[in-house]
C-alpha atoms as a PDB file:
ATOM      1  CA  MET A   1       0.000   0.000   0.000  1.00  0.00           C
ATOM      2  CA  LEU A   2       2.855   2.383   0.847  1.00  0.00           C
ATOM      3  CA  ARG A   3       4.522   1.531  -2.454  1.00  0.00           C
ATOM      4  CA  GLY A   4       1.336   2.403  -4.297  1.00  0.00           C
ATOM      5  CA  PHE A   5       1.135   5.698  -2.406  1.00  0.00           C
ATOM      6  CA  ASN A   6       4.709   6.614  -3.406  1.00  0.00           C
ATOM      7  CA  LEU A   7       3.925   5.751  -7.018  1.00  0.00           C
ATOM      8  CA  GLU A   8       0.950   8.096  -6.961  1.00  0.00           C
ATOM      9  CA  LYS A   9       3.120  10.841  -5.479  1.00  0.00           C
ATOM     10  CA  LYS A  10       5.670  10.433  -8.275  1.00  0.00           C
ATOM     11  CA  ARG A  11       2.959  10.572 -10.886  1.00  0.00           C
ATOM     12  CA  LEU A  12       1.588  13.780  -9.391  1.00  0.00           C
ATOM     13  CA  VAL A  13       4.872  15.679  -8.995  1.00  0.00           C
ATOM     14  CA  PHE A  14       5.642  16.144 -12.677  1.00  0.00           C
ATOM     15  CA  PRO A  15       2.170  17.418 -13.744  1.00  0.00           C
ATOM     16  CA  ILE A  16       2.123  19.808 -10.781  1.00  0.00           C
ATOM     17  CA  LEU A  17       5.556  21.122 -11.792  1.00  0.00           C
ATOM     18  CA  ILE A  18       4.340  21.656 -15.352  1.00  0.00           C
ATOM     19  CA  LEU A  19       1.217  23.452 -14.157  1.00  0.00           C
ATOM     20  CA  MET A  20       3.278  25.721 -11.890  1.00  0.00           C
ATOM     21  CA  LEU A  21       5.621  26.644 -14.714  1.00  0.00           C
ATOM     22  CA  SER A  22       2.670  27.159 -17.033  1.00  0.00           C
ATOM     23  CA  ALA A  23       1.048  29.494 -14.492  1.00  0.00           C
ATOM     24  CA  VAL A  24       4.207  31.634 -14.367  1.00  0.00           C
ATOM     25  CA  LEU A  25       4.322  31.776 -18.152  1.00  0.00           C
ATOM     26  CA  ILE A  26       0.635  32.618 -18.385  1.00  0.00           C
ATOM     27  CA  ILE A  27       1.160  35.593 -16.055  1.00  0.00           C
ATOM     28  CA  GLY A  28       3.951  36.831 -18.316  1.00  0.00           C
ATOM     29  CA  TYR A  29       1.771  36.248 -21.338  1.00  0.00           C
ATOM     30  CA  VAL A  30      -1.083  38.260 -19.825  1.00  0.00           C
ATOM     31  CA  ASN A  31       1.280  41.168 -19.153  1.00  0.00           C
ATOM     32  CA  GLN A  32       2.538  40.993 -22.723  1.00  0.00           C
ATOM     33  CA  THR A  33      -1.029  40.844 -24.010  1.00  0.00           C
ATOM     34  CA  GLU A  34      -1.904  44.017 -22.093  1.00  0.00           C
ATOM     35  CA  GLN A  35       1.029  45.807 -23.703  1.00  0.00           C
ATOM     36  CA  THR A  36      -0.007  44.497 -27.128  1.00  0.00           C
ATOM     37  CA  HIS A  37      -3.518  45.824 -26.524  1.00  0.00           C
ATOM     38  CA  ARG A  38      -2.133  49.252 -25.683  1.00  0.00           C
ATOM     39  CA  LYS A  39      -0.066  49.232 -28.868  1.00  0.00           C
ATOM     40  CA  GLU A  40      -3.097  48.297 -30.940  1.00  0.00           C
ATOM     41  CA  THR A  41      -5.143  51.075 -29.288  1.00  0.00           C
ATOM     42  CA  ILE A  42      -2.474  53.714 -29.977  1.00  0.00           C
ATOM     43  CA  LYS A  43      -1.993  52.515 -33.550  1.00  0.00           C
ATOM     44  CA  GLN A  44      -5.740  52.694 -34.205  1.00  0.00           C
ATOM     45  CA  LEU A  45      -5.829  56.212 -32.725  1.00  0.00           C
ATOM     46  CA  VAL A  46      -3.152  57.336 -35.202  1.00  0.00           C
ATOM     47  CA  VAL A  47      -4.909  55.627 -38.114  1.00  0.00           C
ATOM     48  CA  ASP A  48      -8.186  57.338 -37.167  1.00  0.00           C
ATOM     49  CA  ALA A  49      -6.386  60.693 -36.968  1.00  0.00           C
ATOM     50  CA  THR A  50      -4.888  60.282 -40.438  1.00  0.00           C
ATOM     51  CA  ASN A  51      -8.322  59.363 -41.786  1.00  0.00           C
ATOM     52  CA  LEU A  52      -9.753  62.544 -40.255  1.00  0.00           C
ATOM     53  CA  ILE A  53      -7.003  64.637 -41.851  1.00  0.00           C
ATOM     54  CA  GLU A  54      -7.698  63.027 -45.219  1.00  0.00           C
ATOM     55  CA  ASP A  55     -11.358  63.890 -44.745  1.00  0.00           C
ATOM     56  CA  LYS A  56     -11.145  67.402 -43.236  1.00  0.00           C
ATOM     57  CA  GLY A  57      -7.610  68.536 -43.974  1.00  0.00           C
ATOM     58  CA  GLU A  58      -6.100  71.009 -41.516  1.00  0.00           C
ATOM     59  CA  ASP A  59      -9.569  71.694 -40.077  1.00  0.00           C
ATOM     60  CA  ALA A  60      -9.062  68.458 -38.120  1.00  0.00           C
ATOM     61  CA  PHE A  61      -6.220  69.989 -36.112  1.00  0.00           C
ATOM     62  CA  SER A  62      -8.513  71.891 -33.756  1.00  0.00           C
ATOM     63  CA  GLU A  63     -10.217  68.623 -32.793  1.00  0.00           C
ATOM     64  CA  PHE A  64      -6.889  67.069 -31.822  1.00  0.00           C
ATOM     65  CA  ARG A  65      -6.271  69.915 -29.342  1.00  0.00           C
ATOM     66  CA  GLN A  66      -9.538  69.436 -27.445  1.00  0.00           C
ATOM     67  CA  GLU A  67      -8.737  67.956 -24.029  1.00  0.00           C
ATOM     68  CA  GLY A  68     -11.021  65.247 -22.668  1.00  0.00           C
ATOM     69  CA  THR A  69     -11.690  63.779 -26.091  1.00  0.00           C
ATOM     70  CA  ASN A  70     -10.504  60.506 -27.583  1.00  0.00           C
ATOM     71  CA  TRP A  71      -7.682  62.469 -29.225  1.00  0.00           C
ATOM     72  CA  PHE A  72      -6.335  64.052 -26.029  1.00  0.00           C
ATOM     73  CA  HIS A  73      -6.775  62.629 -22.518  1.00  0.00           C
ATOM     74  CA  GLY A  74      -4.237  62.190 -19.744  1.00  0.00           C
ATOM     75  CA  ASP A  75      -0.795  61.599 -21.254  1.00  0.00           C
ATOM     76  CA  THR A  76      -2.334  60.251 -24.471  1.00  0.00           C
ATOM     77  CA  TYR A  77      -2.534  62.685 -27.371  1.00  0.00           C
ATOM     78  CA  VAL A  78      -2.092  62.939 -31.119  1.00  0.00           C
ATOM     79  CA  PHE A  79       0.636  65.197 -32.514  1.00  0.00           C
ATOM     80  CA  VAL A  80       1.118  66.322 -36.109  1.00  0.00           C
ATOM     81  CA  TRP A  81       4.236  67.534 -37.937  1.00  0.00           C
ATOM     82  CA  MET A  82       4.864  68.580 -41.473  1.00  0.00           C
ATOM     83  CA  THR A  83       7.424  66.231 -43.019  1.00  0.00           C
ATOM     84  CA  ASN A  84      10.008  69.037 -42.984  1.00  0.00           C
ATOM     85  CA  GLY A  85       9.931  68.755 -39.186  1.00  0.00           C
ATOM     86  CA  ILE A  86       7.679  71.733 -38.354  1.00  0.00           C
ATOM     87  CA  ARG A  87       5.335  70.796 -35.513  1.00  0.00           C
ATOM     88  CA  VAL A  88       1.787  71.963 -36.231  1.00  0.00           C
ATOM     89  CA  VAL A  89      -0.237  70.160 -33.536  1.00  0.00           C
ATOM     90  CA  TYR A  90       1.034  69.594 -29.997  1.00  0.00           C
ATOM     91  CA  PRO A  91      -1.896  69.415 -27.523  1.00  0.00           C
ATOM     92  CA  PRO A  92       0.129  69.339 -24.248  1.00  0.00           C
ATOM     93  CA  ASP A  93       1.736  72.703 -25.080  1.00  0.00           C
ATOM     94  CA  PRO A  94       0.322  74.551 -28.124  1.00  0.00           C
ATOM     95  CA  SER A  95       2.991  77.251 -27.640  1.00  0.00           C
ATOM     96  CA  GLY A  96       5.483  74.707 -29.004  1.00  0.00           C
ATOM     97  CA  GLU A  97       3.681  74.543 -32.327  1.00  0.00           C
ATOM     98  CA  GLY A  98       5.646  76.028 -35.220  1.00  0.00           C
ATOM     99  CA  GLU A  99       8.999  74.738 -33.936  1.00  0.00           C
ATOM    100  CA  ASN A 100      11.278  72.608 -36.119  1.00  0.00           C
ATOM    101  CA  MET A 101      11.519  69.203 -34.414  1.00  0.00           C
ATOM    102  CA  SER A 102      13.589  67.376 -37.022  1.00  0.00           C
ATOM    103  CA  MET A 103      16.621  67.188 -34.707  1.00  0.00           C
ATOM    104  CA  LEU A 104      14.681  66.190 -31.575  1.00  0.00           C
ATOM    105  CA  VAL A 105      16.716  63.719 -29.502  1.00  0.00           C
ATOM    106  CA  ASP A 106      15.840  61.495 -26.546  1.00  0.00           C
ATOM    107  CA  VAL A 107      17.896  61.237 -23.343  1.00  0.00           C
ATOM    108  CA  THR A 108      20.303  58.755 -24.962  1.00  0.00           C
ATOM    109  CA  GLY A 109      21.025  61.064 -27.917  1.00  0.00           C
ATOM    110  CA  LYS A 110      18.849  59.101 -30.343  1.00  0.00           C
ATOM    111  CA  VAL A 111      17.641  61.500 -33.066  1.00  0.00           C
ATOM    112  CA  ILE A 112      13.983  60.540 -32.874  1.00  0.00           C
ATOM    113  CA  GLY A 113      12.863  63.609 -34.842  1.00  0.00           C
ATOM    114  CA  ARG A 114      14.657  62.338 -37.916  1.00  0.00           C
ATOM    115  CA  LEU A 115      13.339  58.826 -37.268  1.00  0.00           C
ATOM    116  CA  PHE A 116       9.748  60.115 -37.144  1.00  0.00           C
ATOM    117  CA  ILE A 117      10.176  61.855 -40.496  1.00  0.00           C
ATOM    118  CA  ASP A 118      11.996  58.959 -42.157  1.00  0.00           C
ATOM    119  CA  THR A 119       9.328  56.526 -40.973  1.00  0.00           C
ATOM    120  CA  ALA A 120       6.511  58.657 -42.393  1.00  0.00           C
ATOM    121  CA  LEU A 121       8.342  59.027 -45.717  1.00  0.00           C
ATOM    122  CA  SER A 122       9.382  55.377 -45.944  1.00  0.00           C
ATOM    123  CA  GLU A 123       7.876  52.916 -48.410  1.00  0.00           C
ATOM    124  CA  GLU A 124       5.651  51.502 -45.652  1.00  0.00           C
ATOM    125  CA  GLY A 125       4.705  55.005 -44.530  1.00  0.00           C
ATOM    126  CA  GLU A 126       4.269  53.984 -40.899  1.00  0.00           C
ATOM    127  CA  GLY A 127       5.933  52.194 -37.995  1.00  0.00           C
ATOM    128  CA  TRP A 128       6.916  52.114 -34.314  1.00  0.00           C
ATOM    129  CA  ILE A 129       9.774  54.105 -32.770  1.00  0.00           C
ATOM    130  CA  ASP A 130      11.258  53.048 -29.407  1.00  0.00           C
ATOM    131  CA  TYR A 131      13.082  55.593 -27.280  1.00  0.00           C
ATOM    132  CA  ARG A 132      13.627  56.919 -23.743  1.00  0.00           C
ATOM    133  CA  TRP A 133      11.611  59.891 -22.499  1.00  0.00           C
ATOM    134  CA  PRO A 134      10.600  61.211 -19.037  1.00  0.00           C
ATOM    135  CA  LYS A 135       6.954  60.867 -18.056  1.00  0.00           C
ATOM    136  CA  PRO A 136       5.077  64.140 -17.391  1.00  0.00           C
ATOM    137  CA  GLY A 137       6.236  65.560 -14.068  1.00  0.00           C
ATOM    138  CA  GLU A 138       9.239  63.197 -13.849  1.00  0.00           C
ATOM    139  CA  THR A 139      12.923  63.668 -14.603  1.00  0.00           C
ATOM    140  CA  GLU A 140      14.010  60.034 -14.885  1.00  0.00           C
ATOM    141  CA  PRO A 141      13.524  58.623 -18.412  1.00  0.00           C
ATOM    142  CA  SER A 142      11.121  55.766 -19.120  1.00  0.00           C
ATOM    143  CA  SER A 143      10.732  53.505 -22.136  1.00  0.00           C
ATOM    144  CA  LYS A 144       8.286  54.960 -24.645  1.00  0.00           C
ATOM    145  CA  GLN A 145       6.917  53.653 -27.919  1.00  0.00           C
ATOM    146  CA  THR A 146       5.381  55.964 -30.511  1.00  0.00           C
ATOM    147  CA  TYR A 147       3.504  55.018 -33.654  1.00  0.00           C
ATOM    148  CA  ILE A 148       4.085  57.236 -36.697  1.00  0.00           C
ATOM    149  CA  LYS A 149       2.041  57.332 -39.894  1.00  0.00           C
ATOM    150  CA  GLY A 150       2.353  59.606 -42.910  1.00  0.00           C
ATOM    151  CA  VAL A 151      -0.666  61.288 -44.498  1.00  0.00           C
ATOM    152  CA  ALA A 152      -1.193  63.749 -47.339  1.00  0.00           C
ATOM    153  CA  SER A 153      -3.728  66.570 -47.435  1.00  0.00           C
ATOM    154  CA  GLY A 154      -3.796  68.467 -50.699  1.00  0.00           C
ATOM    155  CA  GLU A 155      -0.214  69.384 -51.592  1.00  0.00           C
ATOM    156  CA  GLN A 156       1.036  69.088 -47.992  1.00  0.00           C
ATOM    157  CA  ALA A 157       2.446  65.929 -46.415  1.00  0.00           C
ATOM    158  CA  PHE A 158       2.177  65.387 -42.655  1.00  0.00           C
ATOM    159  CA  LEU A 159       3.187  62.806 -40.107  1.00  0.00           C
ATOM    160  CA  VAL A 160       0.831  61.855 -37.298  1.00  0.00           C
ATOM    161  CA  GLY A 161       1.995  60.191 -34.096  1.00  0.00           C
ATOM    162  CA  SER A 162       0.937  59.044 -30.653  1.00  0.00           C
ATOM    163  CA  GLY A 163       2.759  57.035 -28.026  1.00  0.00           C
ATOM    164  CA  PHE A 164       2.615  55.335 -24.654  1.00  0.00           C
ATOM    165  CA  TYR A 165       5.003  54.607 -21.811  1.00  0.00           C
ATOM    166  CA  VAL A 166       5.995  50.988 -21.293  1.00  0.00           C
ATOM    167  CA  GLU A 167       5.276  50.192 -17.648  1.00  0.00           C
ATOM    168  CA  THR A 168       8.021  47.566 -17.260  1.00  0.00           C
ATOM    169  CA  THR A 169      11.452  48.970 -17.985  1.00  0.00           C
ATOM    170  CA  GLU A 170      13.864  47.089 -20.197  1.00  0.00           C
ATOM    171  CA  ASN A 171      16.347  46.578 -17.356  1.00  0.00           C
ATOM    172  CA  THR A 172      13.671  44.805 -15.281  1.00  0.00           C
ATOM    173  CA  ILE A 173      12.119  42.583 -17.912  1.00  0.00           C
ATOM    174  CA  LYS A 174      15.255  41.322 -19.665  1.00  0.00           C
ATOM    175  CA  PRO A 175      16.690  39.346 -16.709  1.00  0.00           C
ATOM    176  CA  LEU A 176      13.267  37.742 -16.226  1.00  0.00           C
ATOM    177  CA  GLN A 177      13.182  36.805 -19.904  1.00  0.00           C
ATOM    178  CA  TYR A 178      16.606  35.148 -19.666  1.00  0.00           C
ATOM    179  CA  VAL A 179      15.535  33.149 -16.598  1.00  0.00           C
ATOM    180  CA  ALA A 180      12.284  32.130 -18.311  1.00  0.00           C
ATOM    181  CA  ILE A 181      14.148  30.977 -21.438  1.00  0.00           C
ATOM    182  CA  ILE A 182      16.551  28.872 -19.361  1.00  0.00           C
ATOM    183  CA  MET A 183      13.722  27.263 -17.363  1.00  0.00           C
ATOM    184  CA  GLU A 184      11.660  26.603 -20.482  1.00  0.00           C
ATOM    185  CA  SER A 185      14.648  25.100 -22.283  1.00  0.00           C
ATOM    186  CA  VAL A 186      15.352  22.729 -19.378  1.00  0.00           C
ATOM    187  CA  VAL A 187      11.746  21.539 -19.315  1.00  0.00           C
ATOM    188  CA  ALA A 188      11.707  21.157 -23.118  1.00  0.00           C
ATOM    189  CA  VAL A 189      14.881  19.034 -23.080  1.00  0.00           C
ATOM    190  CA  THR A 190      13.498  16.973 -20.197  1.00  0.00           C
ATOM    191  CA  GLY A 191      10.308  16.347 -22.143  1.00  0.00           C
ATOM    192  CA  LEU A 192      12.280  15.212 -25.196  1.00  0.00           C
ATOM    193  CA  PHE A 193      14.392  12.908 -23.044  1.00  0.00           C
ATOM    194  CA  VAL A 194      11.275  11.339 -21.522  1.00  0.00           C
ATOM    195  CA  ALA A 195       9.783  10.864 -24.988  1.00  0.00           C
ATOM    196  CA  VAL A 196      12.846   9.401 -26.701  1.00  0.00           C
ATOM    197  CA  ARG A 197      14.601   7.478 -23.925  1.00  0.00           C
ATOM    198  CA  LYS A 198      11.665   6.527 -21.734  1.00  0.00           C
ATOM    199  CA  LYS A 199       9.215   5.955 -24.620  1.00  0.00           C
ATOM    200  CA  ARG A 200       6.563   8.176 -23.033  1.00  0.00           C
ATOM    201  CA  PHE A 201       4.488  10.050 -25.612  1.00  0.00           C
ATOM    202  CA  PHE A 202       3.523  12.796 -23.150  1.00  0.00           C
ATOM    203  CA  GLY A 203       7.145  13.935 -23.363  1.00  0.00           C
ATOM    204  CA  TYR A 204       6.542  15.136 -26.903  1.00  0.00           C
ATOM    205  CA  GLY A 205       3.674  17.316 -25.714  1.00  0.00           C
ATOM    206  CA  ILE A 206       5.857  18.850 -23.001  1.00  0.00           C
ATOM    207  CA  PHE A 207       8.692  19.348 -25.480  1.00  0.00           C
ATOM    208  CA  LEU A 208       6.458  21.082 -28.052  1.00  0.00           C
ATOM    209  CA  THR A 209       4.824  23.347 -25.465  1.00  0.00           C
ATOM    210  CA  PHE A 210       8.052  24.669 -24.016  1.00  0.00           C
ATOM    211  CA  VAL A 211       9.835  24.983 -27.353  1.00  0.00           C
ATOM    212  CA  ILE A 212       7.014  27.334 -28.341  1.00  0.00           C
ATOM    213  CA  TYR A 213       7.510  29.280 -25.089  1.00  0.00           C
ATOM    214  CA  VAL A 214      11.251  29.563 -25.787  1.00  0.00           C
ATOM    215  CA  PHE A 215      10.580  30.795 -29.315  1.00  0.00           C
ATOM    216  CA  TYR A 216       8.070  33.356 -28.044  1.00  0.00           C
ATOM    217  CA  ASP A 217      10.442  34.753 -25.409  1.00  0.00           C
ATOM    218  CA  LEU A 218      13.308  34.895 -27.907  1.00  0.00           C
ATOM    219  CA  ALA A 219      11.065  36.726 -30.372  1.00  0.00           C
ATOM    220  CA  LYS A 220      10.313  39.367 -27.740  1.00  0.00           C
ATOM    221  CA  LEU A 221      13.883  39.586 -26.433  1.00  0.00           C
ATOM    222  CA  MET A 222      15.846  39.984 -29.661  1.00  0.00           C
ATOM    223  CA  PRO A 223      13.311  41.059 -31.134  1.00  0.00           C
ATOM    224  CA  LEU A 224      12.607  38.825 -34.116  1.00  0.00           C
ATOM    225  CA  GLU A 225      10.412  40.060 -36.935  1.00  0.00           C
ATOM    226  CA  VAL A 226       7.429  37.931 -35.914  1.00  0.00           C
ATOM    227  CA  SER A 227       3.962  39.449 -35.722  1.00  0.00           C
ATOM    228  CA  ASP A 228       1.625  38.857 -32.792  1.00  0.00           C
ATOM    229  CA  VAL A 229      -0.900  37.484 -35.283  1.00  0.00           C
ATOM    230  CA  ALA A 230       1.505  34.603 -35.912  1.00  0.00           C
ATOM    231  CA  LEU A 231       2.385  34.146 -32.237  1.00  0.00           C
ATOM    232  CA  TYR A 232      -1.165  33.796 -30.893  1.00  0.00           C
ATOM    233  CA  PRO A 233      -1.912  30.556 -32.827  1.00  0.00           C
ATOM    234  CA  LEU A 234       1.373  29.154 -31.498  1.00  0.00           C
ATOM    235  CA  PHE A 235       0.172  29.729 -27.944  1.00  0.00           C
ATOM    236  CA  PHE A 236      -3.054  27.937 -28.778  1.00  0.00           C
ATOM    237  CA  VAL A 237      -1.015  24.968 -30.038  1.00  0.00           C
ATOM    238  CA  ALA A 238       1.099  25.080 -26.864  1.00  0.00           C
ATOM    239  CA  THR A 239      -2.033  25.013 -24.692  1.00  0.00           C
ATOM    240  CA  LEU A 240      -3.447  21.999 -26.541  1.00  0.00           C
ATOM    241  CA  SER A 241      -0.078  20.274 -26.364  1.00  0.00           C
ATOM    242  CA  ILE A 242       0.289  20.615 -22.580  1.00  0.00           C
ATOM    243  CA  LEU A 243      -3.304  19.494 -22.054  1.00  0.00           C
ATOM    244  CA  TRP A 244      -2.654  16.434 -24.218  1.00  0.00           C
ATOM    245  CA  ALA A 245       0.543  15.657 -22.271  1.00  0.00           C
ATOM    246  CA  THR A 246      -1.250  15.988 -18.928  1.00  0.00           C
ATOM    247  CA  LEU A 247      -4.043  13.716 -20.106  1.00  0.00           C
ATOM    248  CA  LEU A 248      -1.541  11.047 -21.201  1.00  0.00           C
ATOM    249  CA  ILE A 249       0.219  11.202 -17.842  1.00  0.00           C
ATOM    250  CA  TYR A 250      -2.985  10.518 -15.934  1.00  0.00           C
ATOM    251  CA  MET A 251      -4.008   7.762 -18.352  1.00  0.00           C
ATOM    252  CA  GLU A 252      -0.793   5.823 -17.806  1.00  0.00           C
ATOM    253  CA  LYS A 253      -1.193   2.624 -15.876  1.00  0.00           C
END
């Protein structure tokens, strides 16, 4: 009877370990999903602003300056430059409108003004810019991401942008990503060993799940040119794979 009890304990340890690791990864995934949602919201705001400019021309600018609207609330706002660098809409401080921002730099010396213009004039005509900038009322820089999109109105070309501050700084998240990749790799290799050497099919499910996790974390760390649209189905496959592996473990005699 004691032997049977120990056997049951051994059979429970591995699934519990997998579930614990999965829970940690799910928390990280939820945080990443929240950031992705914010990026999608900001991008859509910029797209909507360019559509309004195409529809109303420069008459749209006054709407962008109205505080408490979708265009301008809290530290979220839409700004507009001409592609020669002249700022024409800057809701937080309208007195700064008319200035040439083409040589604007962040705290690291990155010439983000030139990057904004080049992005708007590129073949794609839009894209994200990462840089370091202090939050309103703060002096220490934070990570910020701004989406830029070019738009034409009559004979004049403009760039429209909006951004958000990344809550988790790069220095905090990178060590966690390295630890996660190491842990996931160990579990993946263990799963492959169980599958190949021990002839247990659930090992393949464990291996597939954590290889996907490793790929995802590497894609975010490097970053690789992989869209979130492609990554979400991979997570669905990983979820099915770990469920299949868990089911096989409990079905073993």
